[in-house]
Amino acid sequence: MPAKIASILLIPLALSVSACGDTWGERAVTGGGIGAGAGLAVGAIAGWPLLGPAIVGTALGAGIGAATTPEKTK
C-alpha cells in the first residue's frame, strides 16, 4: 500500500516538471520521457500491461511538451 501512495504523490510531481527545455525538440523529448514514466506508473498502479500506458504517456508528453514551447521575442 505505501508504494501506491508514493506513486500517486509522484505522478503530479513528474507532470509539474515535464517538458523542461528551451527549444521545441528539447521540450518534446523531455516531455516524452516524463510521459513514458508517468504512463508506466499509472499502468503499474492499475495492474495493466505496461506497454500501452507507456506509449500513450510518451505520445501525450511529447505532444504537450512541443505544444507548450514558449515563443522567444526579441
Foldseek 3Di string as FASTA:
>chain_A
DVVLVVLVVVLVVLVVPQQDDQALVSSLVRQLVSLLVNLQSVCVSVVHPRPVSSVVRNVVRSVVSNVPRDDDDD
